[in-house]
Amino acid sequence: MKWIARALLVACLSGATPALADTPKNTLVMAKAIDDIVSMDPAEVYELSNSEVVVNVYDRLVGLEPEDMTKLVPTGAESYEVSADSKTFTFKLREGLTFHSGSPVTAEDVLFSYQRVLTLGLTPAYILQGLGWTAENFKDMGKAVDDRTVRLTIAVDLAPSLVLNVFSTTVSSIVDKKEALAHEVNGDLGHEWMKTNSAGSGAFKMLSWKANDSVVLQRQATFRRGEPTIERVIIRHVPEASSQRLLLEKGDIDIARNLTADQIQGIASNADIKVEASPKATIYYLGMSQKIEPLQKVQVRQALKYLIDYQGMADTFLKNRFRVHQSVWPSGFFASLTDTPFKLDVAKAKALLAEAGYPDGFELELEAPNVQPFVDVAQSIQSTFAQGGVTLKIVSEDTKQALTKYRARQHQTIIMYWGPDFLDPNANMDSFANNPDNSDQSAGKPLVWRNSWDIPELSKKTVAAATERDSAKREQMYLDIQKELQDEGPYAVMFQELEQIARRANVNGFFSGPNADLVYFYNVTK
């Protein structure tokens, strides 16, 4: 039977539909849309699909474990101490922790990992820069006390809980210094190699990533929680929900991640398939570039928010998978704003457009990934915008193409998702409401910068909220910021995701937490 399993594995990797009805017992095969993956280097990873991979391949100093999503615990570290002034954090690394290469994880690897992020200066670098670190000053802010003890000093005043959350993010992943530098080319710190390879100490090693095709992971016996039960994980790029359903029903995959409401309903009576709901912190929104003249007027931005049929979409093609949510910070967490002031109101939208000087509307382009739910959401928005006189041209493209334009500020409007880097409101507010440099040459490129919204006063409020140590005051500050974003911001936040995961009944232990970087494979059994 071994040759049958090998044949099926080859078929899964090639993207062909296997003729057999069972995946290998030692392999988890999962189907989802993974066209958002740009890179697998933790210094660059900033999308959902690759975040899921990185959290299973790399360790961080602290993190959230499947047993309790409310409390940060030492992970790559075994303990930590915070100084009285909340500026210095000292971590003792876990004894015996090793990289997949066999090298021990040392304090020097931690320092290299953070210095590497700051030096490369790619998109997620701003998370570490938020600690007051730069490529130049970090050499003085991070110290190796000994091989297993690392001391990190921040250069700004922040709530300690916020700082610890930063150390739990994917960009804070601990990279094997020796392995990365062994593949360095022209001083890139191994970046080109790490786009498609891994150098971590997590539960799995990445064997391959083929763009728009598959990701393959191999379990590691040296993982700090013990060797994972499942030997191999294969993530197949299957963007069509109907194809995912067919593969799941035939037994050609173990888990389907992107089934639509009608697909879920269609498998409800299948005893071989179980469907579970997993609340996520991911929000979906419409971004509006402030480089586009009509969108610079707050009345226009408000009008567009009244030209979206939020509930209509949530009750039909998004049913049981998304719920209406209209704030940049998801519900269910500290300082969540749950008000939903906007609904489809064409008359109100037309009045606002007339007030802004556009009684006859105008034309816009909408960047929309060519996978669900973006396709249906874009078509719905196109239809309801037209009722208000706004002609919307949909530009359908791969997610990574849309993201590339977005990051270069080359969009007019865009439908996109956002998942927080950690479960503190500053994770979202720092990107949606803090834009210290709105120039095209800005070193930091948060979402508010991508939408070219220059907000010096709101940026100050966001920074102040991050430094406030009184919990009640801090909560109110974030609620006020969210309200201002709702009223005036260049974002029409529409939904919060409720992921529907369909799995074969013999598959257990798959954990999908509220964030993409809280999805764990190491407890899976078949």
Protein backbone atom coordinates (compact mmCIF):
# COMPACT_ATOMS: atom_id res chain seq x y z
CA MET A 1 0.00 0.00 0.00
CA LYS A 2 2.99 2.34 0.38
CA TRP A 3 3.20 2.88 -3.37
CA ILE A 4 -0.47 3.93 -3.38
CA ALA A 5 0.16 6.56 -0.72
CA ARG A 6 3.19 7.84 -2.61
CA ALA A 7 1.22 8.02 -5.84
CA LEU A 8 -1.54 9.96 -4.15
CA LEU A 9 0.96 12.34 -2.60
CA VAL A 10 2.52 13.01 -5.99
CA ALA A 11 -0.92 13.68 -7.44
CA CYS A 12 -1.69 16.12 -4.64
CA LEU A 13 1.56 17.95 -5.19
CA SER A 14 1.07 18.20 -8.93
CA GLY A 15 -2.44 19.59 -8.58
CA ALA A 16 -3.93 16.66 -10.48
CA THR A 17 -7.11 15.06 -9.17
CA PRO A 18 -6.18 11.68 -7.67
CA ALA A 19 -8.21 8.65 -8.61
CA LEU A 20 -8.18 7.25 -5.08
CA ALA A 21 -10.63 8.30 -2.38
CA ASP A 22 -8.35 8.67 0.63
CA THR A 23 -5.41 10.91 1.42
CA PRO A 24 -2.36 9.28 3.04
CA LYS A 25 -2.91 8.64 6.75
CA ASN A 26 0.30 10.46 7.65
CA THR A 27 -0.51 13.55 5.54
CA LEU A 28 -2.92 16.42 6.04
CA VAL A 29 -4.11 17.75 2.68
CA MET A 30 -5.91 21.09 2.81
CA ALA A 31 -7.47 23.16 0.04
CA LYS A 32 -7.76 26.95 0.13
CA ALA A 33 -7.01 30.00 -1.96
CA ILE A 34 -3.33 30.83 -1.38
CA ASP A 35 -2.74 33.27 -4.22
CA ASP A 36 -2.08 36.02 -1.67
CA ILE A 37 1.34 34.57 -0.82
CA VAL A 38 4.15 36.91 -1.85
CA SER A 39 7.01 35.52 0.24
CA MET A 40 7.77 33.08 3.04
CA ASP A 41 10.46 35.25 4.65
CA PRO A 42 9.18 36.32 8.11
CA ALA A 43 10.74 39.73 7.49
CA GLU A 44 8.33 40.19 4.57
CA VAL A 45 5.30 38.02 5.39
CA TYR A 46 2.22 40.22 5.69
CA GLU A 47 -0.61 38.20 4.19
CA LEU A 48 -2.96 35.61 5.66
CA SER A 49 -1.94 32.38 3.93
CA ASN A 50 1.78 32.72 4.53
CA SER A 51 1.18 33.81 8.14
CA GLU A 52 -0.42 30.41 8.74
CA VAL A 53 2.70 28.73 7.40
CA VAL A 54 5.21 30.89 9.28
CA VAL A 55 3.60 30.30 12.69
CA ASN A 56 4.04 26.55 12.17
CA VAL A 57 7.61 26.84 10.89
CA TYR A 58 9.13 29.44 13.24
CA ASP A 59 9.08 30.10 16.98
CA ARG A 60 8.82 33.47 18.69
CA LEU A 61 9.77 34.48 22.23
CA VAL A 62 6.16 34.50 23.42
CA GLY A 63 2.83 33.54 21.89
CA LEU A 64 -0.70 32.24 22.27
CA GLU A 65 -1.23 28.48 22.46
CA PRO A 66 -4.34 26.52 21.38
CA GLU A 67 -5.23 25.77 24.99
CA ASP A 68 -5.81 29.47 25.85
CA MET A 69 -6.16 32.28 23.33
CA THR A 70 -6.45 34.94 26.06
CA LYS A 71 -3.01 34.76 27.66
CA LEU A 72 0.45 35.26 26.19
CA VAL A 73 2.90 32.65 27.42
CA PRO A 74 6.62 32.03 26.85
CA THR A 75 7.13 29.84 23.77
CA GLY A 76 10.63 30.10 22.32
CA ALA A 77 11.54 31.59 25.69
CA GLU A 78 10.93 29.74 28.93
CA SER A 79 10.57 32.88 31.06
CA TYR A 80 10.88 36.67 30.95
CA GLU A 81 11.20 39.69 33.23
CA VAL A 82 10.08 43.30 32.72
CA SER A 83 11.99 46.18 34.34
CA ALA A 84 10.26 48.58 36.75
CA ASP A 85 10.15 51.31 34.10
CA SER A 86 8.68 48.88 31.52
CA LYS A 87 11.51 49.68 29.12
CA THR A 88 13.68 46.55 29.36
CA PHE A 89 12.52 42.99 28.67
CA THR A 90 14.83 40.11 29.55
CA PHE A 91 14.10 36.67 28.09
CA LYS A 92 15.59 33.32 29.04
CA LEU A 93 15.47 31.03 25.99
CA ARG A 94 14.07 27.53 26.30
CA GLU A 95 16.77 25.00 27.07
CA GLY A 96 17.50 22.56 24.26
CA LEU A 97 15.61 24.53 21.60
CA THR A 98 17.14 23.83 18.19
CA PHE A 99 16.64 24.94 14.61
CA HIS A 100 15.72 22.50 11.86
CA SER A 101 19.36 22.67 10.76
CA GLY A 102 20.41 21.19 14.10
CA SER A 103 21.96 24.41 15.40
CA PRO A 104 20.93 25.58 18.88
CA VAL A 105 18.67 28.63 19.17
CA THR A 106 20.73 31.33 20.88
CA ALA A 107 20.33 34.91 22.02
CA GLU A 108 22.47 35.93 19.06
CA ASP A 109 19.87 34.39 16.70
CA VAL A 110 17.13 36.49 18.31
CA LEU A 111 19.17 39.67 17.92
CA PHE A 112 20.04 38.76 14.32
CA SER A 113 16.37 38.13 13.51
CA TYR A 114 15.25 41.56 14.75
CA GLN A 115 18.24 43.38 13.26
CA ARG A 116 17.55 41.63 9.96
CA VAL A 117 13.94 42.85 9.89
CA LEU A 118 14.99 46.42 10.64
CA THR A 119 17.82 46.35 8.08
CA LEU A 120 15.70 44.91 5.26
CA GLY A 121 12.96 47.43 6.06
CA LEU A 122 10.16 45.50 4.34
CA THR A 123 6.46 46.09 4.98
CA PRO A 124 6.07 44.50 8.45
CA ALA A 125 9.24 46.18 9.76
CA TYR A 126 7.08 49.02 11.08
CA ILE A 127 5.89 46.69 13.85
CA LEU A 128 9.38 46.55 15.36
CA GLN A 129 9.99 50.19 14.43
CA GLY A 130 7.04 50.97 16.69
CA LEU A 131 9.26 50.06 19.64
CA GLY A 132 11.51 52.97 18.71
CA TRP A 133 13.98 50.68 17.00
CA THR A 134 15.89 51.45 13.82
CA ALA A 135 18.49 49.50 11.89
CA GLU A 136 21.07 51.82 13.44
CA ASN A 137 20.04 52.01 17.11
CA PHE A 138 19.03 48.38 17.61
CA LYS A 139 22.68 47.45 17.96
CA ASP A 140 22.57 49.30 21.28
CA MET A 141 19.02 48.28 22.27
CA GLY A 142 19.47 44.51 22.03
CA LYS A 143 22.10 42.60 24.00
CA ALA A 144 23.01 38.94 24.43
CA VAL A 145 23.68 38.50 28.15
CA ASP A 146 24.72 34.91 27.46
CA ASP A 147 23.82 32.22 24.92
CA ARG A 148 20.34 31.74 26.40
CA THR A 149 19.58 35.24 27.73
CA VAL A 150 18.59 38.20 25.56
CA ARG A 151 17.90 41.71 26.86
CA LEU A 152 15.76 44.04 24.76
CA THR A 153 15.27 47.72 25.57
CA ILE A 154 12.60 49.77 23.82
CA ALA A 155 13.13 53.43 22.97
CA VAL A 156 9.54 54.64 23.57
CA ASP A 157 6.93 54.53 26.32
CA LEU A 158 4.48 51.70 25.69
CA ALA A 159 2.16 49.53 27.74
CA PRO A 160 4.13 46.33 28.60
CA SER A 161 1.30 44.14 27.32
CA LEU A 162 1.58 45.84 23.93
CA VAL A 163 5.35 45.23 23.77
CA LEU A 164 4.94 41.54 24.63
CA ASN A 165 2.31 41.25 21.91
CA VAL A 166 4.83 42.64 19.41
CA PHE A 167 7.26 39.87 20.38
CA SER A 168 4.57 37.31 19.49
CA THR A 169 4.12 38.43 15.86
CA THR A 170 5.31 36.67 12.72
CA VAL A 171 7.83 39.43 12.02
CA SER A 172 9.38 38.59 15.42
CA SER A 173 10.04 35.00 14.34
CA ILE A 174 13.42 33.64 15.39
CA VAL A 175 15.55 32.93 12.31
CA ASP A 176 18.57 30.62 12.14
CA LYS A 177 21.39 33.15 11.66
CA LYS A 178 23.88 30.60 10.37
CA GLU A 179 21.42 29.18 7.82
CA ALA A 180 20.24 32.58 6.57
CA LEU A 181 23.75 33.93 6.12
CA ALA A 182 24.85 30.75 4.37
CA HIS A 183 22.45 31.77 1.58
CA GLU A 184 23.22 35.50 1.58
CA VAL A 185 23.63 37.12 -1.83
CA ASN A 186 24.87 40.69 -2.24
CA GLY A 187 24.21 41.53 1.39
CA ASP A 188 20.50 40.53 1.34
CA LEU A 189 20.79 38.56 4.63
CA GLY A 190 19.43 35.49 2.86
CA HIS A 191 16.22 37.24 1.81
CA GLU A 192 15.92 35.84 -1.72
CA TRP A 193 16.54 32.32 -0.45
CA MET A 194 14.13 32.67 2.46
CA LYS A 195 11.32 33.74 0.15
CA THR A 196 10.97 30.08 -0.82
CA ASN A 197 12.82 28.28 1.99
CA SER A 198 12.71 28.20 5.78
CA ALA A 199 15.21 28.53 8.63
CA GLY A 200 13.13 28.03 11.75
CA SER A 201 12.68 25.94 14.88
CA GLY A 202 8.93 25.33 14.74
CA ALA A 203 6.79 22.21 14.44
CA PHE A 204 7.33 21.91 10.68
CA LYS A 205 9.98 22.66 8.09
CA MET A 206 8.86 24.06 4.74
CA LEU A 207 9.88 21.69 1.96
CA SER A 208 8.47 23.77 -0.87
CA TRP A 209 6.23 26.63 -1.91
CA LYS A 210 5.08 26.83 -5.50
CA ALA A 211 3.20 30.03 -6.23
CA ASN A 212 -0.51 29.49 -6.93
CA ASP A 213 0.01 25.75 -6.53
CA SER A 214 1.00 24.33 -3.15
CA VAL A 215 2.91 24.52 0.11
CA VAL A 216 4.47 21.38 1.60
CA LEU A 217 5.58 21.08 5.23
CA GLN A 218 7.48 18.26 6.97
CA ARG A 219 7.21 17.60 10.73
CA GLN A 220 10.23 18.11 12.99
CA ALA A 221 11.06 15.80 15.89
CA THR A 222 12.88 18.63 17.70
CA PHE A 223 9.75 20.81 18.16
CA ARG A 224 9.50 22.16 21.72
CA ARG A 225 6.06 20.60 22.26
CA GLY A 226 7.14 17.24 20.90
CA GLU A 227 7.02 15.75 17.43
CA PRO A 228 3.72 16.47 15.66
CA THR A 229 1.47 13.47 15.03
CA ILE A 230 0.96 14.25 11.37
CA GLU A 231 4.08 13.76 9.25
CA ARG A 232 3.35 16.07 6.37
CA VAL A 233 1.03 19.00 5.57
CA ILE A 234 0.09 19.88 1.99
CA ILE A 235 -1.79 23.10 1.31
CA ARG A 236 -3.21 23.11 -2.22
CA HIS A 237 -4.23 26.24 -4.06
CA VAL A 238 -7.85 25.57 -5.02
CA PRO A 239 -9.59 28.95 -5.41
CA GLU A 240 -12.98 27.65 -6.56
CA ALA A 241 -15.39 26.66 -3.78
CA SER A 242 -17.10 24.10 -6.01
CA SER A 243 -13.78 22.37 -6.66
CA GLN A 244 -12.96 22.34 -2.96
CA ARG A 245 -16.31 20.73 -2.20
CA LEU A 246 -15.87 18.06 -4.87
CA LEU A 247 -12.36 17.20 -3.63
CA LEU A 248 -13.59 17.01 -0.04
CA GLU A 249 -16.54 14.77 -0.87
CA LYS A 250 -14.30 12.41 -2.84
CA GLY A 251 -11.78 12.26 0.00
CA ASP A 252 -9.02 13.80 -2.12
CA ILE A 253 -8.49 16.50 0.54
CA ASP A 254 -8.97 16.45 4.31
CA ILE A 255 -10.01 20.07 4.90
CA ALA A 256 -11.68 22.74 2.74
CA ARG A 257 -11.26 26.33 3.89
CA ASN A 258 -13.16 28.49 1.39
CA LEU A 259 -16.57 26.91 0.88
CA THR A 260 -19.43 29.31 0.20
CA ALA A 261 -22.77 29.27 1.99
CA ASP A 262 -24.42 27.16 -0.70
CA GLN A 263 -21.51 24.71 -0.71
CA ILE A 264 -21.77 24.33 3.07
CA GLN A 265 -25.49 23.72 2.78
CA GLY A 266 -24.88 21.13 0.08
CA ILE A 267 -22.72 18.93 2.32
CA ALA A 268 -24.84 19.28 5.47
CA SER A 269 -26.23 15.74 5.19
CA ASN A 270 -22.89 14.07 4.44
CA ALA A 271 -21.94 12.03 7.52
CA ASP A 272 -18.32 11.81 6.35
CA ILE A 273 -17.87 15.59 6.60
CA LYS A 274 -17.98 17.86 9.64
CA VAL A 275 -18.37 21.65 9.47
CA GLU A 276 -17.14 23.85 12.29
CA ALA A 277 -17.34 27.61 12.74
CA SER A 278 -14.18 29.45 13.78
CA PRO A 279 -14.62 33.15 14.71
CA LYS A 280 -11.79 35.22 13.23
CA ALA A 281 -10.37 38.66 13.91
CA THR A 282 -10.15 39.29 10.15
CA ILE A 283 -12.11 42.23 8.78
CA TYR A 284 -12.98 43.04 5.16
CA TYR A 285 -13.11 46.64 4.03
CA LEU A 286 -13.22 49.03 1.08
CA GLY A 287 -10.16 51.29 0.94
CA MET A 288 -10.44 54.71 -0.72
CA SER A 289 -7.31 56.50 -1.98
CA GLN A 290 -7.09 60.13 -0.98
CA LYS A 291 -5.15 60.81 -4.17
CA ILE A 292 -8.49 60.62 -6.00
CA GLU A 293 -10.18 64.02 -5.95
CA PRO A 294 -13.81 63.08 -5.17
CA LEU A 295 -12.69 60.76 -2.37
CA GLN A 296 -10.87 63.61 -0.62
CA LYS A 297 -14.23 64.98 0.56
CA VAL A 298 -15.58 63.42 3.75
CA GLN A 299 -19.17 63.67 2.42
CA VAL A 300 -18.20 61.49 -0.55
CA ARG A 301 -16.56 58.89 1.70
CA GLN A 302 -19.67 58.84 3.88
CA ALA A 303 -21.92 58.61 0.82
CA LEU A 304 -20.08 55.52 -0.43
CA LYS A 305 -20.52 53.92 2.99
CA TYR A 306 -24.28 54.40 2.55
CA LEU A 307 -24.13 52.78 -0.90
CA ILE A 308 -23.15 49.32 0.36
CA ASP A 309 -25.72 46.62 1.10
CA TYR A 310 -23.97 45.17 4.13
CA GLN A 311 -26.86 43.14 5.52
CA GLY A 312 -28.02 42.00 2.11
CA MET A 313 -24.65 40.41 1.43
CA ALA A 314 -24.42 38.94 4.94
CA ASP A 315 -27.85 37.36 4.55
CA THR A 316 -27.21 35.79 1.15
CA PHE A 317 -23.90 34.72 -0.39
CA LEU A 318 -21.91 35.50 2.79
CA LYS A 319 -24.37 33.79 5.14
CA ASN A 320 -22.78 31.98 8.10
CA ARG A 321 -19.31 33.05 6.94
CA PHE A 322 -19.30 36.79 7.64
CA ARG A 323 -21.19 39.13 9.93
CA VAL A 324 -21.67 42.88 9.49
CA HIS A 325 -18.97 44.81 11.31
CA GLN A 326 -18.05 48.45 10.68
CA SER A 327 -15.04 49.25 12.83
CA VAL A 328 -11.35 48.69 12.09
CA TRP A 329 -10.95 46.67 15.32
CA PRO A 330 -12.89 43.36 15.35
CA SER A 331 -15.56 42.58 17.91
CA GLY A 332 -14.94 40.19 20.77
CA PHE A 333 -11.74 41.83 22.00
CA PHE A 334 -10.63 44.61 24.33
CA ALA A 335 -11.81 48.05 23.18
CA SER A 336 -14.03 46.78 20.35
CA LEU A 337 -16.48 49.27 18.84
CA THR A 338 -19.53 47.29 17.75
CA ASP A 339 -21.72 50.13 16.40
CA THR A 340 -22.98 49.62 12.85
CA PRO A 341 -24.21 53.09 11.80
CA PHE A 342 -24.19 52.45 8.03
CA LYS A 343 -26.76 50.64 5.91
CA LEU A 344 -27.83 50.87 2.28
CA ASP A 345 -29.54 54.27 2.05
CA VAL A 346 -29.47 55.57 -1.52
CA ALA A 347 -31.39 58.78 -0.76
CA LYS A 348 -28.97 59.75 2.01
CA ALA A 349 -25.98 58.91 -0.18
CA LYS A 350 -27.29 61.05 -3.06
CA ALA A 351 -27.83 63.98 -0.69
CA LEU A 352 -24.24 63.70 0.58
CA LEU A 353 -22.88 63.49 -2.97
CA ALA A 354 -24.86 66.58 -3.97
CA GLU A 355 -23.57 68.41 -0.90
CA ALA A 356 -20.02 67.51 -1.93
CA GLY A 357 -20.58 68.85 -5.46
CA TYR A 358 -21.20 65.55 -7.26
CA PRO A 359 -24.99 65.43 -7.83
CA ASP A 360 -24.47 63.34 -10.96
CA GLY A 361 -21.94 61.01 -9.38
CA PHE A 362 -18.56 60.12 -10.89
CA GLU A 363 -16.50 57.15 -12.08
CA LEU A 364 -14.16 54.98 -10.03
CA GLU A 365 -12.02 51.88 -10.43
CA LEU A 366 -12.20 49.06 -7.88
CA GLU A 367 -9.31 46.63 -7.41
CA ALA A 368 -10.81 43.26 -6.48
CA PRO A 369 -9.05 39.90 -6.04
CA ASN A 370 -10.47 37.32 -8.45
CA VAL A 371 -11.36 34.82 -5.72
CA GLN A 372 -14.32 34.56 -3.39
CA PRO A 373 -15.73 36.33 -1.51
CA PHE A 374 -14.18 39.32 -3.27
CA VAL A 375 -15.80 38.60 -6.64
CA ASP A 376 -19.36 38.58 -5.30
CA VAL A 377 -18.73 41.50 -2.91
CA ALA A 378 -17.31 43.60 -5.76
CA GLN A 379 -20.32 42.89 -7.95
CA SER A 380 -22.71 43.80 -5.15
CA ILE A 381 -20.91 47.09 -4.47
CA GLN A 382 -20.84 47.87 -8.20
CA SER A 383 -24.62 47.42 -8.33
CA THR A 384 -25.44 49.53 -5.28
CA PHE A 385 -22.93 52.28 -6.14
CA ALA A 386 -24.71 52.62 -9.47
CA GLN A 387 -27.96 53.37 -7.64
CA GLY A 388 -26.26 56.48 -6.27
CA GLY A 389 -24.80 57.50 -9.63
CA VAL A 390 -21.28 56.21 -9.00
CA THR A 391 -20.00 54.11 -11.91
CA LEU A 392 -17.61 51.45 -10.70
CA LYS A 393 -15.22 49.61 -13.00
CA ILE A 394 -14.06 46.35 -11.42
CA VAL A 395 -10.41 45.47 -12.01
CA SER A 396 -10.27 41.71 -11.31
CA GLU A 397 -6.81 40.27 -10.59
CA ASP A 398 -4.83 37.89 -8.41
CA THR A 399 -4.71 38.93 -4.77
CA LYS A 400 -0.97 39.51 -4.86
CA GLN A 401 -1.39 41.78 -7.91
CA ALA A 402 -3.99 43.82 -6.06
CA LEU A 403 -1.73 43.99 -3.01
CA THR A 404 1.22 45.11 -5.12
CA LYS A 405 -0.80 48.04 -6.48
CA TYR A 406 -2.16 48.82 -3.03
CA ARG A 407 1.28 48.94 -1.45
CA ALA A 408 2.45 51.28 -4.21
CA ARG A 409 -0.59 53.59 -3.73
CA GLN A 410 -1.68 52.90 -7.31
CA HIS A 411 -5.34 52.10 -6.57
CA GLN A 412 -8.46 54.23 -6.54
CA THR A 413 -10.57 51.92 -4.40
CA ILE A 414 -9.85 48.36 -3.30
CA ILE A 415 -11.57 45.53 -1.46
CA MET A 416 -9.15 43.92 0.94
CA TYR A 417 -8.95 42.06 4.23
CA TRP A 418 -6.95 42.79 7.35
CA GLY A 419 -6.00 40.57 10.25
CA PRO A 420 -4.28 42.10 13.29
CA ASP A 421 -0.67 41.21 13.93
CA PHE A 422 -1.56 40.61 17.58
CA LEU A 423 -4.66 40.84 19.76
CA ASP A 424 -4.20 44.35 21.09
CA PRO A 425 -6.16 47.23 19.49
CA ASN A 426 -2.95 49.06 18.69
CA ALA A 427 -2.21 46.31 16.16
CA ASN A 428 -4.94 47.73 13.92
CA MET A 429 -5.00 51.34 15.03
CA ASP A 430 -1.29 51.77 14.31
CA SER A 431 -1.93 50.83 10.68
CA PHE A 432 -5.36 52.39 10.09
CA ALA A 433 -4.86 55.59 12.13
CA ASN A 434 -1.17 56.44 12.43
CA ASN A 435 0.51 58.10 9.45
CA PRO A 436 3.51 60.16 10.64
CA ASP A 437 4.86 60.58 7.10
CA ASN A 438 2.44 60.71 4.17
CA SER A 439 5.12 61.24 1.53
CA ASP A 440 5.72 58.70 -1.20
CA GLN A 441 9.20 58.17 0.27
CA SER A 442 7.91 57.26 3.74
CA ALA A 443 9.85 54.45 5.45
CA GLY A 444 6.68 53.20 7.14
CA LYS A 445 3.81 52.10 4.90
CA PRO A 446 0.75 51.29 7.03
CA LEU A 447 -2.75 51.04 5.56
CA VAL A 448 -3.50 54.69 6.19
CA TRP A 449 -0.38 55.60 4.17
CA ARG A 450 -1.48 53.29 1.36
CA ASN A 451 -4.71 55.28 1.19
CA SER A 452 -2.76 58.59 1.31
CA TRP A 453 -4.72 59.98 4.28
CA ASP A 454 -2.70 62.69 6.02
CA ILE A 455 -3.82 62.78 9.67
CA PRO A 456 -1.27 64.40 12.01
CA GLU A 457 -3.74 64.95 14.87
CA LEU A 458 -5.30 61.49 14.73
CA SER A 459 -1.82 59.99 14.53
CA LYS A 460 -0.94 61.74 17.81
CA LYS A 461 -4.06 60.28 19.44
CA THR A 462 -3.09 56.80 18.28
CA VAL A 463 0.42 57.12 19.69
CA ALA A 464 -0.99 58.42 22.98
CA ALA A 465 -3.34 55.45 23.30
CA ALA A 466 -0.44 53.04 22.88
CA THR A 467 1.42 54.62 25.80
CA GLU A 468 -1.53 54.82 28.22
CA ARG A 469 -1.16 52.32 31.07
CA ASP A 470 -4.56 52.90 32.68
CA SER A 471 -6.71 50.20 31.07
CA ALA A 472 -10.04 52.05 31.27
CA LYS A 473 -8.59 55.26 29.81
CA ARG A 474 -6.81 53.31 27.11
CA GLU A 475 -10.04 51.55 26.13
CA GLN A 476 -11.93 54.83 25.77
CA MET A 477 -9.13 56.34 23.71
CA TYR A 478 -9.32 53.47 21.25
CA LEU A 479 -13.11 53.65 21.10
CA ASP A 480 -12.87 57.37 20.26
CA ILE A 481 -10.31 56.70 17.52
CA GLN A 482 -12.51 54.01 15.98
CA LYS A 483 -15.50 56.35 16.00
CA GLU A 484 -13.50 59.04 14.19
CA LEU A 485 -12.37 56.48 11.62
CA GLN A 486 -15.97 55.35 11.13
CA ASP A 487 -17.18 58.90 10.55
CA GLU A 488 -14.35 60.31 8.44
CA GLY A 489 -11.87 57.62 7.45
CA PRO A 490 -11.15 56.37 3.92
CA TYR A 491 -12.33 52.89 4.86
CA ALA A 492 -15.76 51.36 4.60
CA VAL A 493 -15.38 48.42 6.97
CA MET A 494 -18.00 45.86 6.01
CA PHE A 495 -17.55 42.45 7.63
CA GLN A 496 -15.83 40.33 10.23
CA GLU A 497 -15.05 36.79 9.17
CA LEU A 498 -16.63 33.70 10.66
CA GLU A 499 -14.61 30.96 9.03
CA GLN A 500 -16.48 27.78 8.12
CA ILE A 501 -14.06 24.87 8.12
CA ALA A 502 -15.21 21.66 6.46
CA ARG A 503 -13.20 18.53 7.29
CA ARG A 504 -13.37 14.81 6.79
CA ALA A 505 -14.81 13.19 9.91
CA ASN A 506 -11.63 11.24 10.60
CA VAL A 507 -9.54 14.42 10.87
CA ASN A 508 -9.20 15.96 14.33
CA GLY A 509 -7.03 18.48 16.12
CA PHE A 510 -6.84 21.18 13.43
CA PHE A 511 -6.86 24.53 15.26
CA SER A 512 -7.85 27.79 13.59
CA GLY A 513 -7.61 30.66 16.06
CA PRO A 514 -8.83 34.24 15.64
CA ASN A 515 -5.77 35.23 13.57
CA ALA A 516 -4.02 33.72 10.58
CA ASP A 517 -0.87 33.45 12.70
CA LEU A 518 -2.82 31.42 15.26
CA VAL A 519 -3.56 28.46 12.99
CA TYR A 520 -1.81 25.32 14.21
CA PHE A 521 -1.26 21.98 12.47
CA TYR A 522 0.80 20.12 15.08
CA ASN A 523 -2.14 18.56 16.95
CA VAL A 524 -3.79 17.10 13.85
CA THR A 525 -4.61 13.38 13.88
CA LYS A 526 -6.25 11.15 11.27
